[in-house]
Amino acid sequence: MDIFGLGERGKELWDALNTGEVPRDSLVLEAARTADRLNELDNIIQGKGVLELMQFRLDFPEGDGEPFTVEVKFQNVLSEARQQQTAFATLIEKISRYGLTATATKGAPAAPLPTGVTALDKMRARVAAQSG
């Protein structure tokens, strides 16, 4: 973990997109945190993560012979994952609107992205090039 508390995916996103420009980097940091949350949620959905998915509540009767109640609630992980995906896409879109690329030098203005290419597209290409 780094000083922002980012996980592996979030740190990669931060390293790829931060430029030292405070307003933009605020969005980048939130996108990085959201990316980490999405990883955690995906692990939970795949049965690899740890999350209390059920909550139990017992309501004991006051008198003898009365039945007691058990209430069971399930966390809605899939719904939360969809919400985080939407938030992530929105943040990446906002970052892309700044016209800065993932290859920008920190503190220096970046060249605008070509038409039809987003910062996320550039990052995907970079990650694919590094892994393949």
Protein backbone atom coordinates (compact mmCIF):
# COMPACT_ATOMS: atom_id res chain seq x y z
CA MET A 1 0.00 0.00 0.00
CA ASP A 2 1.11 3.54 -0.69
CA ILE A 3 0.37 6.76 1.18
CA PHE A 4 -3.11 6.97 -0.36
CA GLY A 5 -3.97 3.45 0.80
CA LEU A 6 -4.25 2.20 -2.76
CA GLY A 7 -4.10 -1.45 -3.72
CA GLU A 8 -2.25 -2.83 -6.71
CA ARG A 9 -4.79 -1.86 -9.38
CA GLY A 10 -5.39 1.57 -7.88
CA LYS A 11 -1.66 2.27 -7.65
CA GLU A 12 -1.18 1.30 -11.31
CA LEU A 13 -3.98 3.65 -12.33
CA TRP A 14 -2.58 6.45 -10.17
CA ASP A 15 0.93 6.00 -11.57
CA ALA A 16 -0.41 5.98 -15.13
CA LEU A 17 -2.70 9.02 -14.90
CA ASN A 18 -1.53 11.48 -12.23
CA THR A 19 0.14 14.64 -13.48
CA GLY A 20 0.54 16.87 -10.44
CA GLU A 21 -2.46 18.96 -11.49
CA VAL A 22 -4.56 19.04 -8.31
CA PRO A 23 -8.13 19.11 -9.72
CA ARG A 24 -7.37 16.36 -12.24
CA ASP A 25 -5.41 14.28 -9.75
CA SER A 26 -8.35 14.43 -7.33
CA LEU A 27 -10.42 12.64 -9.97
CA VAL A 28 -7.55 10.24 -10.70
CA LEU A 29 -7.27 9.35 -7.00
CA GLU A 30 -11.00 8.65 -6.73
CA ALA A 31 -10.84 6.55 -9.91
CA ALA A 32 -7.91 4.59 -8.41
CA ARG A 33 -9.83 3.99 -5.17
CA THR A 34 -12.88 2.92 -7.16
CA ALA A 35 -10.75 0.51 -9.21
CA ASP A 36 -9.55 -1.09 -5.97
CA ARG A 37 -13.13 -1.38 -4.69
CA LEU A 38 -14.15 -3.04 -7.94
CA ASN A 39 -11.35 -5.59 -7.48
CA GLU A 40 -12.54 -6.31 -3.93
CA LEU A 41 -16.15 -6.66 -5.06
CA ASP A 42 -15.12 -8.94 -7.94
CA ASN A 43 -13.23 -11.18 -5.52
CA ILE A 44 -16.30 -11.36 -3.29
CA ILE A 45 -18.55 -12.20 -6.24
CA GLN A 46 -16.12 -14.98 -7.24
CA GLY A 47 -16.12 -16.33 -3.69
CA LYS A 48 -12.52 -15.29 -3.00
CA GLY A 49 -13.12 -12.24 -0.84
CA VAL A 50 -14.16 -11.83 2.73
CA LEU A 51 -17.34 -9.93 3.40
CA GLU A 52 -20.12 -10.43 5.86
CA LEU A 53 -22.83 -11.13 3.29
CA MET A 54 -25.46 -12.02 5.85
CA GLN A 55 -26.66 -10.25 8.96
CA PHE A 56 -28.68 -12.03 11.61
CA ARG A 57 -30.96 -10.49 14.20
CA LEU A 58 -32.71 -12.48 16.90
CA ASP A 59 -35.76 -11.10 18.61
CA PHE A 60 -36.44 -13.10 21.78
CA PRO A 61 -39.95 -13.08 23.24
CA GLU A 62 -40.65 -11.43 26.54
CA GLY A 63 -42.86 -14.23 27.84
CA ASP A 64 -42.57 -17.99 28.00
CA GLY A 65 -44.09 -19.94 25.14
CA GLU A 66 -43.97 -17.07 22.70
CA PRO A 67 -42.06 -17.70 19.46
CA PHE A 68 -38.86 -15.84 18.75
CA THR A 69 -38.05 -14.16 15.45
CA VAL A 70 -34.94 -14.59 13.34
CA GLU A 71 -34.27 -11.89 10.75
CA VAL A 72 -31.71 -12.56 8.00
CA LYS A 73 -30.50 -9.84 5.62
CA PHE A 74 -28.18 -10.27 2.65
CA GLN A 75 -25.83 -7.60 1.37
CA ASN A 76 -26.40 -6.69 -2.26
CA VAL A 77 -22.87 -7.08 -3.64
CA LEU A 78 -23.84 -7.24 -7.31
CA SER A 79 -25.78 -3.99 -7.07
CA GLU A 80 -22.84 -2.29 -5.36
CA ALA A 81 -20.48 -3.59 -8.05
CA ARG A 82 -22.69 -2.09 -10.76
CA GLN A 83 -22.77 1.24 -8.93
CA GLN A 84 -18.98 1.26 -8.57
CA GLN A 85 -18.57 0.42 -12.27
CA THR A 86 -20.75 3.39 -13.18
CA ALA A 87 -18.79 5.66 -10.83
CA PHE A 88 -15.49 4.41 -12.29
CA ALA A 89 -16.64 5.02 -15.88
CA THR A 90 -17.83 8.52 -14.96
CA LEU A 91 -14.52 9.38 -13.29
CA ILE A 92 -12.48 8.09 -16.23
CA GLU A 93 -14.66 10.08 -18.63
CA LYS A 94 -14.12 13.25 -16.58
CA ILE A 95 -10.38 12.63 -16.47
CA SER A 96 -10.38 12.14 -20.26
CA ARG A 97 -12.14 15.49 -20.75
CA TYR A 98 -9.11 17.25 -19.35
CA GLY A 99 -7.37 16.31 -22.61
CA LEU A 100 -4.44 14.77 -20.78
CA THR A 101 -3.02 11.39 -21.62
CA ALA A 102 -1.55 8.69 -19.43
CA THR A 103 1.84 9.38 -21.03
CA ALA A 104 1.92 13.03 -19.94
CA THR A 105 4.97 14.17 -18.04
CA LYS A 106 4.09 15.23 -14.53
CA GLY A 107 3.41 18.95 -14.38
CA ALA A 108 3.67 19.39 -18.16
CA PRO A 109 0.69 19.93 -20.43
CA ALA A 110 -0.17 16.85 -22.45
CA ALA A 111 -1.10 16.59 -26.08
CA PRO A 112 -4.83 16.17 -26.67
CA LEU A 113 -6.05 12.64 -27.26
CA PRO A 114 -6.89 11.67 -30.85
CA THR A 115 -10.58 11.69 -31.71
CA GLY A 116 -12.32 8.58 -30.42
CA VAL A 117 -9.51 7.64 -28.01
CA THR A 118 -9.94 8.01 -24.26
CA ALA A 119 -7.35 8.03 -21.52
CA LEU A 120 -8.68 4.59 -20.54
CA ASP A 121 -7.99 3.33 -24.10
CA LYS A 122 -4.43 4.64 -23.84
CA MET A 123 -3.96 2.97 -20.46
CA ARG A 124 -5.36 -0.35 -21.73
CA ALA A 125 -2.92 -0.24 -24.66
CA ARG A 126 -0.03 0.48 -22.30
CA VAL A 127 -0.98 -2.35 -19.95
CA ALA A 128 -1.39 -4.75 -22.89
CA ALA A 129 2.04 -3.78 -24.21
CA GLN A 130 3.62 -4.34 -20.79
CA SER A 131 2.00 -7.74 -20.27
CA GLY A 132 2.41 -9.11 -23.77
